[in-house]
C-alpha atoms as a PDB file:
ATOM      1  CA  THR A   1       0.010   0.053   0.066  1.00  0.00           C
ATOM      2  CA  THR A   2       1.414   3.422  -0.981  1.00  0.00           C
ATOM      3  CA  THR A   3       0.435   6.344   1.267  1.00  0.00           C
ATOM      4  CA  THR A   4       1.163   9.967   0.343  1.00  0.00           C
ATOM      5  CA  THR A   5       1.296  12.639   3.010  1.00  0.00           C
ATOM      6  CA  THR A   6       1.236  16.123   1.634  1.00  0.00           C
ATOM      7  CA  THR A   7       1.383  19.328   3.686  1.00  0.00           C
ATOM      8  CA  THR A   8       0.773  22.879   2.504  1.00  0.00           C
ATOM      9  CA  VAL A   9       2.506  25.876   4.175  1.00  0.00           C
ATOM     10  CA  ASN A  10       1.533  29.378   3.297  1.00  0.00           C
ATOM     11  CA  GLY A  11       3.967  32.231   3.294  1.00  0.00           C
ATOM     12  CA  THR A  12       7.083  30.342   4.352  1.00  0.00           C
ATOM     13  CA  ARG A  13      10.675  30.571   3.643  1.00  0.00           C
ATOM     14  CA  GLN A  14      11.564  27.155   5.060  1.00  0.00           C
ATOM     15  CA  ALA A  15       9.573  24.177   6.488  1.00  0.00           C
ATOM     16  CA  GLU A  16      10.781  21.387   8.739  1.00  0.00           C
ATOM     17  CA  VAL A  17       8.985  18.197   9.598  1.00  0.00           C
ATOM     18  CA  ALA A  18       9.861  15.846  12.503  1.00  0.00           C
ATOM     19  CA  ALA A  19       8.564  12.369  12.955  1.00  0.00           C
ATOM     20  CA  GLY A  20       8.751  10.027  15.891  1.00  0.00           C
ATOM     21  CA  CYS A  21       8.175   6.342  16.010  1.00  0.00           C
ATOM     22  CA  GLY A  22       8.326   3.442  18.459  1.00  0.00           C
ATOM     23  CA  GLY A  23       7.657   2.731  22.037  1.00  0.00           C
ATOM     24  CA  SER A  24       9.533   1.790  25.256  1.00  0.00           C
ATOM     25  CA  SER A  25       8.871   0.077  28.484  1.00  0.00           C
ATOM     26  CA  GLY A  26       8.762   3.454  30.254  1.00  0.00           C
ATOM     27  CA  GLY A  27       6.296   5.055  27.866  1.00  0.00           C
ATOM     28  CA  ARG A  28       5.907   6.143  24.293  1.00  0.00           C
ATOM     29  CA  LYS A  29       9.261   7.256  22.781  1.00  0.00           C
ATOM     30  CA  GLU A  30       9.503  10.328  20.438  1.00  0.00           C
ATOM     31  CA  MET A  31      12.687   9.908  18.448  1.00  0.00           C
ATOM     32  CA  ARG A  32      12.414  12.972  16.256  1.00  0.00           C
ATOM     33  CA  ARG A  33      14.140  13.437  12.956  1.00  0.00           C
ATOM     34  CA  VAL A  34      13.863  15.983  10.221  1.00  0.00           C
ATOM     35  CA  VAL A  35      12.318  14.506   7.040  1.00  0.00           C
ATOM     36  CA  TYR A  36      11.951  17.598   4.970  1.00  0.00           C
ATOM     37  CA  ARG A  37      13.636  20.993   4.942  1.00  0.00           C
ATOM     38  CA  GLY A  38      13.133  23.459   2.054  1.00  0.00           C
ATOM     39  CA  LYS A  39      11.269  26.347   0.551  1.00  0.00           C
ATOM     40  CA  SER A  40       8.437  24.510  -1.144  1.00  0.00           C
ATOM     41  CA  ARG A  41       4.967  25.165   0.051  1.00  0.00           C
ATOM     42  CA  THR A  42       3.967  21.480  -0.536  1.00  0.00           C
ATOM     43  CA  PHE A  43       6.098  18.387  -0.041  1.00  0.00           C
ATOM     44  CA  ASP A  44       5.467  14.699  -0.506  1.00  0.00           C
ATOM     45  CA  LEU A  45       6.567  12.391   2.343  1.00  0.00           C
ATOM     46  CA  GLN A  46       5.525   8.980   0.988  1.00  0.00           C
ATOM     47  CA  HIS A  47       9.116   7.708   0.919  1.00  0.00           C
ATOM     48  CA  ALA A  48      10.028   9.090   4.429  1.00  0.00           C
ATOM     49  CA  PHE A  49       8.064   6.496   6.440  1.00  0.00           C
ATOM     50  CA  ALA A  50       8.196   2.733   6.577  1.00  0.00           C
ATOM     51  CA  PRO A  51       5.032   0.741   5.845  1.00  0.00           C
ATOM     52  CA  ASN A  52       2.932  -0.322   8.889  1.00  0.00           C
ATOM     53  CA  SER A  53       4.241   2.311  11.254  1.00  0.00           C
ATOM     54  CA  GLU A  54       2.875   5.195  13.323  1.00  0.00           C
ATOM     55  CA  HIS A  55       4.402   8.639  13.578  1.00  0.00           C
ATOM     56  CA  GLY A  56       4.060  12.056  15.104  1.00  0.00           C
ATOM     57  CA  PHE A  57       4.071  14.880  12.508  1.00  0.00           C
ATOM     58  CA  ARG A  58       4.696  18.533  13.051  1.00  0.00           C
ATOM     59  CA  VAL A  59       5.677  21.589  11.059  1.00  0.00           C
ATOM     60  CA  ALA A  60       7.727  24.738  11.758  1.00  0.00           C
ATOM     61  CA  VAL A  61       8.420  27.774   9.598  1.00  0.00           C
ATOM     62  CA  SER A  62      11.587  29.786   9.559  1.00  0.00           C
ATOM     63  CA  SER A  63      12.479  33.140   8.233  1.00  0.00           C
ATOM     64  CA  ARG A  64      15.095  35.813   8.693  1.00  0.00           C
ATOM     65  CA  ALA A  65      13.765  36.206  12.191  1.00  0.00           C
ATOM     66  CA  GLY A  66      14.525  32.601  13.026  1.00  0.00           C
ATOM     67  CA  LEU A  67      12.588  29.448  13.584  1.00  0.00           C
ATOM     68  CA  GLY A  68       8.954  29.776  14.538  1.00  0.00           C
ATOM     69  CA  PRO A  69       6.953  27.613  16.878  1.00  0.00           C
ATOM     70  CA  TRP A  70       6.206  23.987  16.051  1.00  0.00           C
ATOM     71  CA  SER A  71       2.687  23.103  15.119  1.00  0.00           C
ATOM     72  CA  PRO A  72       0.701  20.721  17.346  1.00  0.00           C
ATOM     73  CA  ILE A  73       1.685  17.030  16.755  1.00  0.00           C
ATOM     74  CA  THR A  74      -0.593  15.086  14.424  1.00  0.00           C
ATOM     75  CA  ARG A  75      -0.571  11.283  14.568  1.00  0.00           C
ATOM     76  CA  ILE A  76      -0.429   9.425  11.273  1.00  0.00           C
ATOM     77  CA  ALA A  77      -0.507   5.669  10.665  1.00  0.00           C
ATOM     78  CA  ILE A  78       1.115   4.151   7.527  1.00  0.00           C
ATOM     79  CA  PRO A  79      -0.757   0.977   6.624  1.00  0.00           C
ATOM     80  CA  GLY A  80       0.661  -2.475   5.918  1.00  0.00           C
ATOM     81  CA  PRO A  81       1.146  -5.368   5.496  1.00  0.00           C
ATOM     82  CA  ALA A  82       4.799  -4.613   5.105  1.00  0.00           C
ATOM     83  CA  PHE A  83       5.826  -8.206   4.191  1.00  0.00           C
ATOM     84  CA  THR A  84       4.787 -11.844   4.146  1.00  0.00           C
ATOM     85  CA  TRP A  85       6.533 -15.202   4.705  1.00  0.00           C
ATOM     86  CA  ASN A  86       8.703 -16.245   1.839  1.00  0.00           C
ATOM     87  CA  SER A  87       9.057 -19.900   0.681  1.00  0.00           C
ATOM     88  CA  ARG A  88      12.382 -19.119  -0.936  1.00  0.00           C
ATOM     89  CA  VAL A  89      13.901 -18.381   2.532  1.00  0.00           C
ATOM     90  CA  SER A  90      12.365 -21.201   4.432  1.00  0.00           C
ATOM     91  CA  HIS A  91      12.920 -24.880   5.250  1.00  0.00           C
ATOM     92  CA  ARG A  92      11.354 -27.349   2.766  1.00  0.00           C
ATOM     93  CA  GLN A  93       9.045 -28.656   5.490  1.00  0.00           C
ATOM     94  CA  VAL A  94       7.515 -25.232   6.312  1.00  0.00           C
ATOM     95  CA  ARG A  95       3.928 -24.807   5.162  1.00  0.00           C
ATOM     96  CA  ILE A  96       2.993 -21.314   4.133  1.00  0.00           C
ATOM     97  CA  SER A  97      -0.684 -20.423   3.699  1.00  0.00           C
ATOM     98  CA  ASP A  98      -3.399 -17.698   4.189  1.00  0.00           C
ATOM     99  CA  ASP A  99      -1.969 -15.391   1.521  1.00  0.00           C
ATOM    100  CA  ASN A 100       1.561 -16.148   2.833  1.00  0.00           C
ATOM    101  CA  LEU A 101       0.723 -14.723   6.199  1.00  0.00           C
ATOM    102  CA  THR A 102       0.725 -18.041   8.163  1.00  0.00           C
ATOM    103  CA  ALA A 103       3.729 -20.400   8.481  1.00  0.00           C
ATOM    104  CA  GLY A 104       3.511 -23.811  10.037  1.00  0.00           C
ATOM    105  CA  ILE A 105       5.415 -26.998  10.594  1.00  0.00           C
ATOM    106  CA  GLY A 106       4.132 -30.531  11.091  1.00  0.00           C
ATOM    107  CA  SER A 107       5.458 -33.332  13.282  1.00  0.00           C
ATOM    108  CA  ASN A 108       9.150 -33.011  12.531  1.00  0.00           C
ATOM    109  CA  ARG A 109      11.736 -33.308  15.356  1.00  0.00           C
ATOM    110  CA  PHE A 110      14.201 -30.557  14.459  1.00  0.00           C
ATOM    111  CA  TRP A 111      14.230 -26.868  14.311  1.00  0.00           C
ATOM    112  CA  VAL A 112      13.486 -24.985  11.067  1.00  0.00           C
ATOM    113  CA  THR A 113      13.434 -21.328  10.221  1.00  0.00           C
ATOM    114  CA  VAL A 114      11.358 -19.229   7.811  1.00  0.00           C
ATOM    115  CA  GLY A 115      12.018 -15.637   6.758  1.00  0.00           C
ATOM    116  CA  ALA A 116      10.064 -12.789   5.259  1.00  0.00           C
ATOM    117  CA  ASP A 117      10.042 -11.528   1.664  1.00  0.00           C
ATOM    118  CA  THR A 118      11.624  -8.228   2.518  1.00  0.00           C
ATOM    119  CA  VAL A 119      14.924  -6.797   3.727  1.00  0.00           C
ATOM    120  CA  LEU A 120      14.678  -4.006   6.336  1.00  0.00           C
ATOM    121  CA  ASP A 121      17.492  -1.478   6.209  1.00  0.00           C
ATOM    122  CA  LYS A 122      16.169   1.680   7.737  1.00  0.00           C
ATOM    123  CA  GLY A 123      13.297   3.170   9.725  1.00  0.00           C
ATOM    124  CA  CYS A 124      10.941   1.861  12.485  1.00  0.00           C
ATOM    125  CA  HIS A 125       8.887  -1.269  11.918  1.00  0.00           C
ATOM    126  CA  TYR A 126       6.303  -3.104  13.973  1.00  0.00           C
ATOM    127  CA  TRP A 127       4.658  -6.436  13.325  1.00  0.00           C
ATOM    128  CA  GLU A 128       2.962  -9.190  15.333  1.00  0.00           C
ATOM    129  CA  CYS A 129       3.252 -12.964  15.379  1.00  0.00           C
ATOM    130  CA  VAL A 130       0.149 -14.772  16.618  1.00  0.00           C
ATOM    131  CA  LEU A 131       0.930 -18.312  18.032  1.00  0.00           C
ATOM    132  CA  ARG A 132      -2.002 -20.035  16.332  1.00  0.00           C
ATOM    133  CA  GLN A 133      -0.710 -23.559  16.990  1.00  0.00           C
ATOM    134  CA  TYR A 134       1.786 -24.148  19.807  1.00  0.00           C
ATOM    135  CA  GLY A 135       2.177 -27.889  19.868  1.00  0.00           C
ATOM    136  CA  GLU A 136       2.930 -30.250  22.724  1.00  0.00           C
ATOM    137  CA  ALA A 137       3.725 -29.111  26.255  1.00  0.00           C
ATOM    138  CA  SER A 138       7.438 -29.101  26.989  1.00  0.00           C
ATOM    139  CA  ARG A 139      10.151 -27.015  28.496  1.00  0.00           C
ATOM    140  CA  ASN A 140      11.770 -26.214  25.098  1.00  0.00           C
ATOM    141  CA  TRP A 141      11.806 -22.834  23.333  1.00  0.00           C
ATOM    142  CA  LYS A 142       8.868 -23.806  21.007  1.00  0.00           C
ATOM    143  CA  VAL A 143       9.043 -20.596  18.876  1.00  0.00           C
ATOM    144  CA  VAL A 144      11.710 -17.968  18.492  1.00  0.00           C
ATOM    145  CA  VAL A 145      10.564 -14.676  16.931  1.00  0.00           C
ATOM    146  CA  GLY A 146      13.093 -12.088  15.733  1.00  0.00           C
ATOM    147  CA  VAL A 147      15.391 -10.928  12.907  1.00  0.00           C
ATOM    148  CA  VAL A 148      18.456 -12.256  11.174  1.00  0.00           C
ATOM    149  CA  SER A 149      21.146 -10.377   9.257  1.00  0.00           C
ATOM    150  CA  ALA A 150      20.399 -10.213   5.564  1.00  0.00           C
ATOM    151  CA  LYS A 151      23.987 -11.537   4.973  1.00  0.00           C
ATOM    152  CA  VAL A 152      22.795 -15.044   5.856  1.00  0.00           C
ATOM    153  CA  ALA A 153      23.705 -17.496   3.009  1.00  0.00           C
ATOM    154  CA  PRO A 154      20.693 -18.635   0.999  1.00  0.00           C
ATOM    155  CA  SER A 155      21.530 -22.340   1.636  1.00  0.00           C
ATOM    156  CA  VAL A 156      21.179 -21.856   5.421  1.00  0.00           C
ATOM    157  CA  TRP A 157      17.427 -21.321   5.243  1.00  0.00           C
ATOM    158  CA  LYS A 158      17.044 -24.911   3.858  1.00  0.00           C
ATOM    159  CA  ARG A 159      19.210 -26.457   6.483  1.00  0.00           C
ATOM    160  CA  ASP A 160      17.937 -28.737   9.274  1.00  0.00           C
ATOM    161  CA  LYS A 161      18.348 -27.290  12.846  1.00  0.00           C
ATOM    162  CA  ALA A 162      18.908 -23.713  11.650  1.00  0.00           C
ATOM    163  CA  THR A 163      17.693 -21.606  14.583  1.00  0.00           C
ATOM    164  CA  LEU A 164      17.684 -17.901  15.397  1.00  0.00           C
ATOM    165  CA  GLY A 165      20.180 -16.945  18.052  1.00  0.00           C
ATOM    166  CA  ILE A 166      22.180 -20.154  18.024  1.00  0.00           C
ATOM    167  CA  ALA A 167      25.819 -20.364  16.899  1.00  0.00           C
ATOM    168  CA  ARG A 168      26.444 -24.074  16.422  1.00  0.00           C
ATOM    169  CA  HIS A 169      23.243 -24.830  14.530  1.00  0.00           C
ATOM    170  CA  GLY A 170      22.438 -21.184  13.858  1.00  0.00           C
ATOM    171  CA  MET A 171      21.995 -18.958  10.890  1.00  0.00           C
ATOM    172  CA  GLY A 172      25.708 -18.336  10.144  1.00  0.00           C
ATOM    173  CA  ALA A 173      25.091 -14.656  10.597  1.00  0.00           C
ATOM    174  CA  PRO A 174      24.089 -12.383  13.551  1.00  0.00           C
ATOM    175  CA  SER A 175      20.497 -12.920  14.756  1.00  0.00           C
ATOM    176  CA  TRP A 176      18.374 -11.640  17.593  1.00  0.00           C
ATOM    177  CA  GLY A 177      15.267 -13.369  19.011  1.00  0.00           C
ATOM    178  CA  TYR A 178      12.541 -13.811  21.701  1.00  0.00           C
ATOM    179  CA  VAL A 179      12.159 -17.299  23.150  1.00  0.00           C
ATOM    180  CA  THR A 180       8.345 -17.477  23.517  1.00  0.00           C
ATOM    181  CA  ALA A 181       8.208 -20.441  25.877  1.00  0.00           C
ATOM    182  CA  GLN A 182      10.665 -18.997  28.328  1.00  0.00           C
ATOM    183  CA  GLY A 183      10.106 -15.229  28.036  1.00  0.00           C
ATOM    184  CA  LYS A 184      13.773 -14.650  27.305  1.00  0.00           C
ATOM    185  CA  LYS A 185      15.868 -13.099  24.634  1.00  0.00           C
ATOM    186  CA  VAL A 186      18.538 -14.990  22.646  1.00  0.00           C
ATOM    187  CA  SER A 187      21.485 -13.922  20.552  1.00  0.00           C
ATOM    188  CA  SER A 188      24.517 -16.003  19.681  1.00  0.00           C
ATOM    189  CA  VAL A 189      24.582 -18.920  22.198  1.00  0.00           C
ATOM    190  CA  SER A 190      23.020 -17.533  25.367  1.00  0.00           C
ATOM    191  CA  THR A 191      19.563 -16.665  26.564  1.00  0.00           C
ATOM    192  CA  SER A 192      18.784 -14.178  29.315  1.00  0.00           C
ATOM    193  CA  SER A 193      15.777 -12.470  30.806  1.00  0.00           C
ATOM    194  CA  TRP A 194      15.139  -8.809  30.436  1.00  0.00           C
ATOM    195  CA  GLY A 195      12.538  -6.196  31.326  1.00  0.00           C
ATOM    196  CA  SER A 196      11.787  -4.577  34.707  1.00  0.00           C
ATOM    197  CA  ASP A 197       8.964  -7.037  35.595  1.00  0.00           C
ATOM    198  CA  TYR A 198      10.695 -10.269  35.001  1.00  0.00           C
ATOM    199  CA  ALA A 199      12.248 -10.748  38.428  1.00  0.00           C
ATOM    200  CA  SER A 200       8.967 -10.220  40.196  1.00  0.00           C
ATOM    201  CA  ASN A 201       6.890 -12.508  37.967  1.00  0.00           C
ATOM    202  CA  GLY A 202       8.246 -15.844  36.847  1.00  0.00           C
ATOM    203  CA  GLN A 203       5.680 -16.131  33.994  1.00  0.00           C
ATOM    204  CA  HIS A 204       6.518 -12.666  32.579  1.00  0.00           C
ATOM    205  CA  GLY A 205       6.671 -12.997  28.830  1.00  0.00           C
ATOM    206  CA  ARG A 206       6.094 -16.735  28.686  1.00  0.00           C
ATOM    207  CA  CYS A 207       3.646 -17.543  25.873  1.00  0.00           C
ATOM    208  CA  VAL A 208       0.853 -20.041  25.478  1.00  0.00           C
ATOM    209  CA  GLU A 209      -1.226 -20.926  22.415  1.00  0.00           C
ATOM    210  CA  GLY A 210      -3.156 -17.994  21.114  1.00  0.00           C
ATOM    211  CA  ASP A 211      -0.821 -15.394  22.471  1.00  0.00           C
ATOM    212  CA  THR A 212       0.515 -12.539  20.394  1.00  0.00           C
ATOM    213  CA  VAL A 213       4.127 -11.506  20.220  1.00  0.00           C
ATOM    214  CA  GLY A 214       4.750  -7.863  19.035  1.00  0.00           C
ATOM    215  CA  VAL A 215       8.099  -6.953  17.449  1.00  0.00           C
ATOM    216  CA  LEU A 216       9.192  -3.288  17.330  1.00  0.00           C
ATOM    217  CA  LEU A 217      12.355  -2.817  15.322  1.00  0.00           C
ATOM    218  CA  ASP A 218      13.981   0.691  15.238  1.00  0.00           C
ATOM    219  CA  LEU A 219      16.887   0.532  12.749  1.00  0.00           C
ATOM    220  CA  ASP A 220      17.545   4.361  13.200  1.00  0.00           C
ATOM    221  CA  ILE A 221      19.024   3.504  16.650  1.00  0.00           C
ATOM    222  CA  GLY A 222      19.453  -0.276  16.366  1.00  0.00           C
ATOM    223  CA  THR A 223      16.929  -1.392  19.053  1.00  0.00           C
ATOM    224  CA  LEU A 224      14.673  -4.401  19.169  1.00  0.00           C
ATOM    225  CA  GLU A 225      11.764  -4.415  21.592  1.00  0.00           C
ATOM    226  CA  PHE A 226       9.221  -7.228  22.191  1.00  0.00           C
ATOM    227  CA  TYR A 227       5.554  -7.148  23.315  1.00  0.00           C
ATOM    228  CA  HIS A 228       3.559  -9.965  24.910  1.00  0.00           C
ATOM    229  CA  ASN A 229      -0.140  -9.613  24.328  1.00  0.00           C
ATOM    230  CA  GLY A 230       0.189  -5.809  23.864  1.00  0.00           C
ATOM    231  CA  SER A 231       2.405  -5.253  26.902  1.00  0.00           C
ATOM    232  CA  SER A 232       6.038  -4.151  26.375  1.00  0.00           C
ATOM    233  CA  LEU A 233       8.703  -6.384  27.698  1.00  0.00           C
ATOM    234  CA  GLY A 234      11.201  -3.602  27.312  1.00  0.00           C
ATOM    235  CA  ILE A 235      14.101  -3.162  24.816  1.00  0.00           C
ATOM    236  CA  ALA A 236      15.779  -6.571  24.414  1.00  0.00           C
ATOM    237  CA  PHE A 237      18.692  -5.477  22.147  1.00  0.00           C
ATOM    238  CA  ASP A 238      20.372  -2.177  21.269  1.00  0.00           C
ATOM    239  CA  ASN A 239      22.914  -3.625  18.903  1.00  0.00           C
ATOM    240  CA  VAL A 240      20.897  -4.641  15.902  1.00  0.00           C
ATOM    241  CA  THR A 241      22.859  -4.013  12.715  1.00  0.00           C
ATOM    242  CA  MET A 242      21.079  -3.606   9.417  1.00  0.00           C
ATOM    243  CA  PRO A 243      20.039  -4.840   6.983  1.00  0.00           C
ATOM    244  CA  VAL A 244      17.936  -7.610   8.604  1.00  0.00           C
ATOM    245  CA  ILE A 245      15.189 -10.055   7.633  1.00  0.00           C
ATOM    246  CA  PRO A 246      12.144 -10.751   9.985  1.00  0.00           C
ATOM    247  CA  ALA A 247      12.107 -14.492  10.794  1.00  0.00           C
ATOM    248  CA  ILE A 248      10.833 -17.154  13.143  1.00  0.00           C
ATOM    249  CA  SER A 249      12.227 -20.534  14.178  1.00  0.00           C
ATOM    250  CA  PHE A 250      10.095 -23.403  15.389  1.00  0.00           C
ATOM    251  CA  TYR A 251       9.615 -27.142  15.489  1.00  0.00           C
ATOM    252  CA  HIS A 252       6.909 -29.828  15.837  1.00  0.00           C
ATOM    253  CA  ASP A 253       3.285 -28.791  15.301  1.00  0.00           C
ATOM    254  CA  LYS A 254       3.475 -25.002  15.326  1.00  0.00           C
ATOM    255  CA  ALA A 255       1.779 -22.355  13.244  1.00  0.00           C
ATOM    256  CA  VAL A 256       2.464 -18.659  13.360  1.00  0.00           C
ATOM    257  CA  GLU A 257       0.405 -15.924  11.717  1.00  0.00           C
ATOM    258  CA  LEU A 258       1.752 -12.498  10.773  1.00  0.00           C
ATOM    259  CA  ARG A 259      -0.464  -9.547  11.715  1.00  0.00           C
ATOM    260  CA  PHE A 260       0.145  -5.860  11.168  1.00  0.00           C
ATOM    261  CA  ALA A 261      -1.003  -2.892  13.282  1.00  0.00           C
ATOM    262  CA  PRO A 262       0.501   0.306  14.753  1.00  0.00           C
ATOM    263  CA  PRO A 263       2.597  -0.267  17.912  1.00  0.00           C
ATOM    264  CA  PRO A 264       0.503  -0.351  21.114  1.00  0.00           C
ATOM    265  CA  LEU A 265       0.081   3.073  22.785  1.00  0.00           C
ATOM    266  CA  LEU A 266       1.726   3.070  26.200  1.00  0.00           C
END
């Protein structure tokens, strides 16, 4: 979906627009950046915002006397979907259905990974993974939701046991993920808890069938934040390097649906 945002400013010498995106465990974040500066009375911002994102939009006018006051902030939502699951970057046993929005795996006994049909290299992005089928009860990871470096070799996607966040049987490239069954983050070979509420609630972030995992990726500052059923778990990583591909890893009777909406307001 292409969205065009056009603003008209009368009697100006210069206009500036700032947009914020994202969220944080302590409240809504406003990470402002200038997306237009010039003398035109109209300007098209359709290429300034990532699909499926929400932004604050404001304008200021400058003259020889200096910069005038900013206008009130207007919220704008850029629609999605931004991407779908891609059979070309998935294991041969992954089943992709529902207009490529649902990825599933049958009764196999090893981990597999599926990626999206897009490479993200800038901006702020939010998507959700709904755990439609969660399989047998166990203490394993079940589903890992996250991103992997776009430098991953094409053959890795087809390999048995390829898993986000694991070195030995991993993706052969940096990856960052959320272990849904444990409520922990994973990168390289270790898992750890994060978020201010984890210590006081042993079930914090641990998912069951039907739960929704939100992913907020801000490539302007390299952060990755996860949500559990609409509640932020806090920023899990602040070292994400672009470009990356959204991905999930799972095994044995799982199905995950992609869903797109603006990030939850905090």
